[in-house]
Amino acid sequence: MTDSIMSKAATMEIPINSNGDTGTLPEDDSLEQATKLQWSLAEKVGGSRSSRDLQQVMVSGPNLNETSIVSGGYGGTAEGIIPTSSIKGSSMQHSSSSSSMAGEEATRGVAVEKLESVKKWSLNTYKCTKQMISERFGRGSRTVDLELEAQIEVLRDTKRKYETVLRLARALTTHFYNMVQTQHALGDTFADLSQKSPELRVKFYSCVRTCSAHACDTSVWCSQDEFGYNAETQKLLCKNGETLLGAINFFVSSINTLVNKTMEDSLMTIKMYESARLEFDAYRSDLEELGLGPRDAVAIARIEAAQAQYQIHKDKYERLRSDVTIKLKFLEENKVKVMHKQLLLFHNAISAYFAGNQQQLEQTLQQFSIKLKPPGADKPSWLEEQ
């Protein structure tokens, strides 16, 4: 009976108008009526039990610190109260689950792409390996361009010979550099001994003037320093040797650029061309094998797919073949120009050096715009060493 009275009191406390809004009862009057209702119920029911029930009813009212959705009266069961925190938690959980699902889908998509690329690579490798083995054992046919293959073979042979020239020129540079350094050290030693060995100075008569009228010669005593003379000779040879080293180093640098850069670039394009040729023959053989089989729906679909792959690799093969042809043409023109200039330089410099013509040797370097580095230019300065 007490529970029913309390529920009615709680229900009567909040008047509702026809629009569903709460009444216009002031806040102070509602609190005062609730207090009076509490004392009147306590007098009717009596005892501490009814007072505790009333306090429980008042405590079970709405909590101002937490927003809740209330269903039914204040005296209703706890099933009618739904905290908004649970709604927020469920929405956050739903958003996190959706984001995790999106991340999993993206990861799955990347994995599928990698798997497809590995599948294509494996299939291509299998076909090319099969074609290579069949060619080596003479069972399969290959596409051959006789003129281009001959030019490629000539290029490879030329590169091997030029590598020999480059190796020998470097060896000559090393040996000649050691000889120049030995001459430089020998000249310094002769100059030092010239100051410390006065007993080796030779005195002799030298004819200074010839008098034709009286038929007499005028001779004077002269002294010659043998160590000093040899020191000057070695220094002159060392200077000419450094000039020749500049010419040889320029020759070696140009040959190295021609062999290890220009020719190597052409050979890399040739390797790509040969790989494209192998792929083209592999897909061509695959298409020919499918053409010999039955012509049902599945076979026709495979033939169409093989035809598309064959066309792709055919276009790639023809494009690289054209690139190789153009590069070989330009390489031949460049090789003729470079070697004509470098061989002329090498010949003139060697001839002028061993002829003892210092002026012609210097003119040769000026003709080919070769600038010699001053002695000690390669060494770091005192500040750089510190």
Protein backbone atom coordinates (compact mmCIF):
# COMPACT_ATOMS: atom_id res chain seq x y z
CA MET A 1 0.00 0.00 0.00
CA THR A 2 2.88 2.34 0.81
CA ASP A 3 4.53 1.64 -2.56
CA SER A 4 1.36 2.46 -4.43
CA ILE A 5 0.88 5.70 -2.52
CA MET A 6 4.47 6.72 -3.16
CA SER A 7 4.25 5.99 -6.88
CA LYS A 8 1.05 8.03 -7.08
CA ALA A 9 2.67 10.87 -5.19
CA ALA A 10 5.67 10.82 -7.52
CA THR A 11 3.38 10.77 -10.53
CA MET A 12 1.25 13.59 -9.21
CA GLU A 13 4.33 15.71 -8.52
CA ILE A 14 5.03 16.50 -12.23
CA PRO A 15 1.89 17.90 -13.91
CA ILE A 16 1.71 17.52 -17.72
CA ASN A 17 -0.34 19.84 -19.93
CA SER A 18 -2.07 18.98 -23.15
CA ASN A 19 1.09 19.67 -25.26
CA GLY A 20 3.17 17.25 -23.26
CA ASP A 21 5.17 20.01 -21.49
CA THR A 22 5.58 20.30 -17.81
CA GLY A 23 3.34 22.65 -15.84
CA THR A 24 4.17 26.23 -15.00
CA LEU A 25 4.40 25.48 -11.30
CA PRO A 26 7.22 27.49 -9.73
CA GLU A 27 10.24 25.57 -8.51
CA ASP A 28 9.91 26.71 -4.85
CA ASP A 29 6.23 25.62 -4.54
CA SER A 30 6.95 22.13 -5.89
CA LEU A 31 9.69 21.58 -3.35
CA GLU A 32 7.48 22.82 -0.52
CA GLN A 33 4.59 20.53 -1.54
CA ALA A 34 6.95 17.58 -1.73
CA THR A 35 8.09 18.28 1.84
CA LYS A 36 4.55 18.48 3.13
CA LEU A 37 3.62 15.28 1.34
CA GLN A 38 6.57 13.54 3.00
CA TRP A 39 5.40 14.46 6.54
CA SER A 40 1.77 13.59 5.85
CA LEU A 41 2.69 10.16 4.54
CA ALA A 42 4.93 9.58 7.51
CA GLU A 43 2.06 10.36 9.89
CA LYS A 44 -0.37 8.07 8.04
CA VAL A 45 1.85 5.10 7.69
CA GLY A 46 3.95 5.66 10.79
CA GLY A 47 7.12 4.03 11.91
CA SER A 48 10.65 4.11 10.70
CA ARG A 49 9.93 1.70 7.87
CA SER A 50 7.74 4.13 6.00
CA SER A 51 10.30 6.91 6.50
CA ARG A 52 13.08 4.74 5.10
CA ASP A 53 10.88 3.83 2.11
CA LEU A 54 10.24 7.50 1.49
CA GLN A 55 13.93 8.32 1.68
CA GLN A 56 14.64 5.45 -0.71
CA VAL A 57 12.06 6.90 -3.10
CA MET A 58 13.62 10.35 -2.85
CA VAL A 59 17.10 8.92 -3.36
CA SER A 60 15.98 6.89 -6.38
CA GLY A 61 15.00 10.12 -8.12
CA PRO A 62 16.93 11.63 -11.02
CA ASN A 63 20.67 12.20 -10.50
CA LEU A 64 21.65 15.72 -11.49
CA ASN A 65 25.27 14.69 -12.03
CA GLU A 66 24.42 12.09 -14.71
CA THR A 67 22.02 12.47 -17.58
CA SER A 68 19.66 9.49 -17.89
CA ILE A 69 16.71 8.48 -19.97
CA VAL A 70 13.81 7.65 -17.58
CA SER A 71 10.98 5.36 -18.46
CA GLY A 72 7.96 5.34 -16.14
CA GLY A 73 7.64 7.00 -12.67
CA TYR A 74 10.37 7.61 -10.14
CA GLY A 75 9.09 4.71 -8.11
CA GLY A 76 9.48 2.31 -11.02
CA THR A 77 12.07 -0.42 -11.32
CA ALA A 78 15.69 0.12 -12.34
CA GLU A 79 14.99 -1.39 -15.76
CA GLY A 80 13.47 1.90 -16.91
CA ILE A 81 16.75 3.87 -16.45
CA ILE A 82 19.19 3.81 -19.39
CA PRO A 83 22.46 5.74 -18.75
CA THR A 84 23.74 7.77 -21.71
CA SER A 85 27.29 6.61 -20.99
CA SER A 86 26.32 3.18 -22.28
CA ILE A 87 25.02 4.77 -25.49
CA LYS A 88 28.29 6.71 -25.94
CA GLY A 89 30.31 3.59 -25.29
CA SER A 90 28.38 1.61 -27.86
CA SER A 91 28.79 4.36 -30.49
CA MET A 92 32.54 4.61 -29.84
CA GLN A 93 32.85 0.86 -30.04
CA HIS A 94 30.95 0.88 -33.33
CA SER A 95 33.23 3.60 -34.81
CA SER A 96 36.41 1.82 -33.68
CA SER A 97 35.16 -1.45 -35.14
CA SER A 98 34.34 0.26 -38.45
CA SER A 99 37.80 1.89 -38.62
CA SER A 100 39.49 -1.42 -37.84
CA MET A 101 37.45 -3.06 -40.58
CA ALA A 102 38.53 -0.36 -43.04
CA GLY A 103 42.18 -0.89 -42.07
CA GLU A 104 41.82 -4.63 -42.51
CA GLU A 105 40.28 -4.12 -45.95
CA ALA A 106 43.16 -1.83 -47.00
CA THR A 107 45.73 -4.34 -45.75
CA ARG A 108 43.92 -7.12 -47.53
CA GLY A 109 43.90 -5.09 -50.75
CA VAL A 110 47.68 -4.51 -50.56
CA ALA A 111 48.27 -8.19 -49.88
CA VAL A 112 46.13 -9.14 -52.87
CA GLU A 113 48.09 -6.77 -55.12
CA LYS A 114 51.41 -8.21 -53.95
CA LEU A 115 50.11 -11.71 -54.46
CA GLU A 116 49.02 -10.85 -57.99
CA SER A 117 52.41 -9.29 -58.81
CA VAL A 118 54.23 -12.36 -57.45
CA LYS A 119 51.91 -14.58 -59.49
CA LYS A 120 52.60 -12.67 -62.69
CA TRP A 121 56.35 -12.64 -62.04
CA SER A 122 56.38 -16.39 -61.36
CA LEU A 123 54.42 -17.12 -64.53
CA ASN A 124 56.67 -14.89 -66.62
CA THR A 125 59.82 -16.44 -65.13
CA TYR A 126 58.54 -19.94 -65.78
CA LYS A 127 57.77 -19.18 -69.42
CA CYS A 128 61.11 -17.47 -70.04
CA THR A 129 63.04 -20.31 -68.36
CA LYS A 130 61.16 -22.84 -70.45
CA GLN A 131 61.93 -20.90 -73.63
CA MET A 132 65.63 -20.58 -72.70
CA ILE A 133 65.99 -24.30 -72.04
CA SER A 134 64.19 -25.21 -75.25
CA GLU A 135 66.49 -22.89 -77.23
CA ARG A 136 69.63 -24.38 -75.69
CA PHE A 137 68.54 -27.92 -76.46
CA GLY A 138 67.45 -26.96 -79.95
CA ARG A 139 63.77 -27.68 -79.43
CA GLY A 140 62.42 -24.15 -79.63
CA SER A 141 62.71 -21.38 -82.20
CA ARG A 142 64.07 -17.89 -81.53
CA THR A 143 63.75 -14.54 -83.26
CA VAL A 144 67.05 -13.47 -84.82
CA ASP A 145 68.03 -10.17 -86.41
CA LEU A 146 71.25 -11.10 -88.24
CA GLU A 147 72.43 -7.56 -88.93
CA LEU A 148 71.81 -6.35 -85.41
CA GLU A 149 73.35 -9.45 -83.85
CA ALA A 150 76.52 -8.89 -85.89
CA GLN A 151 76.75 -5.28 -84.74
CA ILE A 152 76.32 -6.34 -81.13
CA GLU A 153 79.08 -8.92 -81.43
CA VAL A 154 81.41 -6.34 -82.97
CA LEU A 155 80.69 -3.96 -80.11
CA ARG A 156 81.50 -6.59 -77.49
CA ASP A 157 84.75 -7.50 -79.23
CA THR A 158 85.69 -3.82 -79.53
CA LYS A 159 85.02 -3.27 -75.86
CA ARG A 160 87.29 -6.15 -74.90
CA LYS A 161 90.13 -4.75 -77.03
CA TYR A 162 89.68 -1.23 -75.71
CA GLU A 163 89.76 -2.56 -72.17
CA THR A 164 93.18 -4.06 -73.00
CA VAL A 165 94.39 -0.69 -74.33
CA LEU A 166 93.10 1.00 -71.19
CA ARG A 167 94.84 -1.49 -68.91
CA LEU A 168 98.18 -1.10 -70.71
CA ALA A 169 97.90 2.71 -70.77
CA ARG A 170 97.32 2.73 -67.02
CA ALA A 171 100.33 0.49 -66.52
CA LEU A 172 102.43 2.88 -68.67
CA THR A 173 101.21 5.81 -66.60
CA THR A 174 102.16 4.07 -63.36
CA HIS A 175 105.64 3.10 -64.55
CA PHE A 176 106.36 6.49 -66.11
CA TYR A 177 105.18 8.28 -62.98
CA ASN A 178 107.59 6.19 -60.91
CA MET A 179 110.40 7.05 -63.35
CA VAL A 180 109.65 10.78 -63.09
CA GLN A 181 109.63 10.59 -59.32
CA THR A 182 112.97 8.76 -59.44
CA GLN A 183 114.42 11.45 -61.71
CA HIS A 184 113.18 14.15 -59.36
CA ALA A 185 114.80 12.45 -56.35
CA LEU A 186 118.01 11.88 -58.31
CA GLY A 187 118.19 15.54 -59.33
CA ASP A 188 117.76 16.66 -55.71
CA THR A 189 120.53 14.30 -54.65
CA PHE A 190 122.88 15.60 -57.37
CA ALA A 191 122.17 19.19 -56.34
CA ASP A 192 122.95 18.41 -52.71
CA LEU A 193 126.23 16.66 -53.61
CA SER A 194 127.18 19.59 -55.80
CA GLN A 195 127.40 21.78 -52.71
CA LYS A 196 129.33 19.23 -50.67
CA SER A 197 131.88 17.95 -53.25
CA PRO A 198 134.07 20.82 -54.51
CA GLU A 199 136.86 18.38 -55.42
CA LEU A 200 134.80 17.10 -58.36
CA ARG A 201 134.88 20.42 -60.13
CA VAL A 202 136.95 20.01 -63.29
CA LYS A 203 139.15 22.86 -64.63
CA PHE A 204 139.87 23.07 -68.34
CA TYR A 205 140.75 25.52 -71.08
CA SER A 206 137.87 26.91 -73.11
CA CYS A 207 138.18 28.76 -76.36
CA VAL A 208 136.41 32.11 -76.04
CA ARG A 209 137.36 33.99 -79.22
CA THR A 210 139.18 33.32 -82.47
CA CYS A 211 141.11 36.11 -84.04
CA SER A 212 141.17 35.61 -87.79
CA ALA A 213 143.58 38.43 -88.43
CA HIS A 214 146.37 37.10 -86.20
CA ALA A 215 145.27 33.44 -86.29
CA CYS A 216 145.36 33.11 -82.56
CA ASP A 217 142.92 31.62 -80.03
CA THR A 218 142.10 33.08 -76.68
CA SER A 219 141.50 30.48 -74.00
CA VAL A 220 140.55 30.85 -70.33
CA TRP A 221 140.39 28.56 -67.36
CA CYS A 222 136.84 27.28 -66.67
CA SER A 223 135.48 25.04 -63.94
CA GLN A 224 132.58 22.63 -64.46
CA ASP A 225 130.46 21.20 -61.67
CA GLU A 226 129.62 17.63 -62.72
CA PHE A 227 126.98 17.12 -60.02
CA GLY A 228 125.31 20.43 -60.79
CA TYR A 229 125.26 19.67 -64.50
CA ASN A 230 123.59 16.30 -63.94
CA ALA A 231 121.14 17.84 -61.47
CA GLU A 232 120.00 20.36 -64.08
CA THR A 233 119.63 17.59 -66.66
CA GLN A 234 117.46 15.47 -64.35
CA LYS A 235 115.27 18.45 -63.46
CA LEU A 236 114.69 19.19 -67.15
CA LEU A 237 113.80 15.55 -67.81
CA CYS A 238 111.48 15.58 -64.81
CA LYS A 239 109.69 18.67 -66.11
CA ASN A 240 109.20 17.16 -69.55
CA GLY A 241 108.08 13.90 -67.95
CA GLU A 242 105.38 15.69 -65.94
CA THR A 243 104.15 17.30 -69.15
CA LEU A 244 103.99 13.92 -70.87
CA LEU A 245 102.18 12.46 -67.84
CA GLY A 246 99.49 15.12 -68.25
CA ALA A 247 98.95 14.04 -71.86
CA ILE A 248 98.87 10.32 -70.97
CA ASN A 249 96.43 10.91 -68.10
CA PHE A 250 94.11 12.78 -70.45
CA PHE A 251 94.33 9.89 -72.90
CA VAL A 252 93.53 7.33 -70.16
CA SER A 253 90.59 9.40 -68.85
CA SER A 254 89.02 9.69 -72.32
CA ILE A 255 89.41 5.96 -73.06
CA ASN A 256 87.95 5.11 -69.66
CA THR A 257 84.88 7.29 -70.33
CA LEU A 258 84.40 5.69 -73.75
CA VAL A 259 84.72 2.12 -72.48
CA ASN A 260 83.12 2.17 -69.02
CA LYS A 261 80.35 4.71 -69.63
CA THR A 262 79.42 5.08 -73.29
CA MET A 263 79.91 1.47 -74.33
CA GLU A 264 78.56 0.14 -71.04
CA ASP A 265 75.36 2.17 -71.47
CA SER A 266 74.86 0.65 -74.92
CA LEU A 267 75.49 -2.84 -73.54
CA MET A 268 72.89 -2.30 -70.81
CA THR A 269 70.33 -1.43 -73.48
CA ILE A 270 71.39 -4.55 -75.38
CA LYS A 271 70.79 -6.69 -72.27
CA MET A 272 67.28 -5.24 -71.96
CA TYR A 273 66.73 -5.96 -75.66
CA GLU A 274 67.83 -9.58 -75.27
CA SER A 275 65.55 -10.03 -72.26
CA ALA A 276 62.62 -8.57 -74.20
CA ARG A 277 63.44 -10.89 -77.11
CA LEU A 278 63.33 -13.91 -74.80
CA GLU A 279 59.97 -12.85 -73.33
CA PHE A 280 58.58 -12.21 -76.81
CA ASP A 281 59.60 -15.68 -78.00
CA ALA A 282 58.21 -17.28 -74.82
CA TYR A 283 54.75 -15.73 -75.28
CA ARG A 284 54.88 -16.42 -79.01
CA SER A 285 55.51 -20.11 -78.35
CA ASP A 286 52.72 -20.14 -75.76
CA LEU A 287 50.30 -18.64 -78.27
CA GLU A 288 51.32 -21.17 -80.90
CA GLU A 289 50.75 -24.06 -78.50
CA LEU A 290 47.29 -22.77 -77.57
CA GLY A 291 46.47 -22.39 -81.26
CA LEU A 292 47.10 -26.10 -81.83
CA GLY A 293 44.66 -27.17 -79.11
CA PRO A 294 40.85 -27.44 -79.06
CA ARG A 295 38.65 -24.42 -79.71
CA ASP A 296 36.09 -24.53 -76.91
CA ALA A 297 34.95 -21.49 -74.91
CA VAL A 298 37.69 -21.81 -72.28
CA ALA A 299 40.39 -22.29 -74.91
CA ILE A 300 39.21 -19.28 -76.89
CA ALA A 301 39.38 -17.12 -73.76
CA ARG A 302 42.94 -18.32 -73.08
CA ILE A 303 43.92 -17.66 -76.70
CA GLU A 304 42.60 -14.10 -76.49
CA ALA A 305 44.52 -13.48 -73.26
CA ALA A 306 47.69 -14.98 -74.78
CA GLN A 307 47.21 -12.85 -77.89
CA ALA A 308 47.04 -9.70 -75.77
CA GLN A 309 50.23 -10.63 -73.85
CA TYR A 310 51.96 -11.49 -77.12
CA GLN A 311 51.14 -8.09 -78.59
CA ILE A 312 52.41 -6.29 -75.47
CA HIS A 313 55.76 -8.10 -75.52
CA LYS A 314 56.05 -7.70 -79.28
CA ASP A 315 55.72 -3.92 -78.98
CA LYS A 316 58.32 -3.90 -76.18
CA TYR A 317 60.73 -6.00 -78.25
CA GLU A 318 60.42 -3.79 -81.32
CA ARG A 319 60.86 -0.62 -79.28
CA LEU A 320 64.05 -1.88 -77.63
CA ARG A 321 65.39 -3.14 -80.95
CA SER A 322 64.96 0.34 -82.37
CA ASP A 323 66.71 1.84 -79.31
CA VAL A 324 69.66 -0.53 -79.72
CA THR A 325 70.01 0.32 -83.40
CA ILE A 326 70.07 4.06 -82.72
CA LYS A 327 72.52 3.74 -79.82
CA LEU A 328 74.92 1.60 -81.85
CA LYS A 329 74.91 4.18 -84.63
CA PHE A 330 75.67 7.11 -82.32
CA LEU A 331 78.24 5.04 -80.42
CA GLU A 332 80.18 4.33 -83.63
CA GLU A 333 80.26 8.02 -84.56
CA ASN A 334 81.35 9.04 -81.08
CA LYS A 335 84.03 6.35 -80.95
CA VAL A 336 85.60 7.51 -84.24
CA LYS A 337 85.79 11.15 -83.08
CA VAL A 338 87.18 10.34 -79.65
CA MET A 339 89.79 7.85 -80.82
CA HIS A 340 90.99 10.08 -83.68
CA LYS A 341 91.65 12.91 -81.23
CA GLN A 342 93.20 10.76 -78.50
CA LEU A 343 95.50 8.78 -80.79
CA LEU A 344 96.80 12.00 -82.36
CA LEU A 345 97.45 13.40 -78.91
CA PHE A 346 99.24 10.27 -77.74
CA HIS A 347 101.45 10.11 -80.83
CA ASN A 348 102.49 13.79 -80.78
CA ALA A 349 103.21 13.81 -77.06
CA ILE A 350 105.31 10.63 -77.07
CA SER A 351 107.25 11.74 -80.16
CA ALA A 352 108.00 15.20 -78.76
CA TYR A 353 109.12 13.83 -75.40
CA PHE A 354 111.55 11.23 -76.68
CA ALA A 355 112.86 13.67 -79.30
CA GLY A 356 113.67 16.10 -76.51
CA ASN A 357 111.54 18.81 -78.08
CA GLN A 358 110.11 20.57 -75.08
CA GLN A 359 108.48 23.32 -77.13
CA GLN A 360 106.58 20.86 -79.34
CA LEU A 361 105.44 18.92 -76.26
CA GLU A 362 103.98 22.06 -74.70
CA GLN A 363 102.31 23.01 -77.99
CA THR A 364 100.69 19.57 -78.13
CA LEU A 365 99.09 20.10 -74.72
CA GLN A 366 97.89 23.55 -75.75
CA GLN A 367 96.42 22.14 -78.95
CA PHE A 368 94.23 19.71 -77.01
CA SER A 369 93.44 22.21 -74.22
CA ILE A 370 95.15 20.18 -71.51
CA LYS A 371 96.00 22.08 -68.34
CA LEU A 372 98.62 20.65 -66.06
CA LYS A 373 98.10 20.75 -62.32
CA PRO A 374 100.82 22.56 -60.38
CA PRO A 375 103.06 20.38 -58.19
CA GLY A 376 101.38 19.55 -54.91
CA ALA A 377 97.87 20.47 -56.13
CA ASP A 378 96.49 17.09 -55.09
CA LYS A 379 97.85 17.44 -51.56
CA PRO A 380 95.56 19.03 -48.96
CA SER A 381 96.51 22.41 -47.59
CA TRP A 382 97.77 22.98 -44.06
CA LEU A 383 94.35 24.21 -42.93
CA GLU A 384 92.61 21.16 -44.43
CA GLU A 385 95.01 18.84 -42.63
CA GLN A 386 94.28 20.58 -39.32
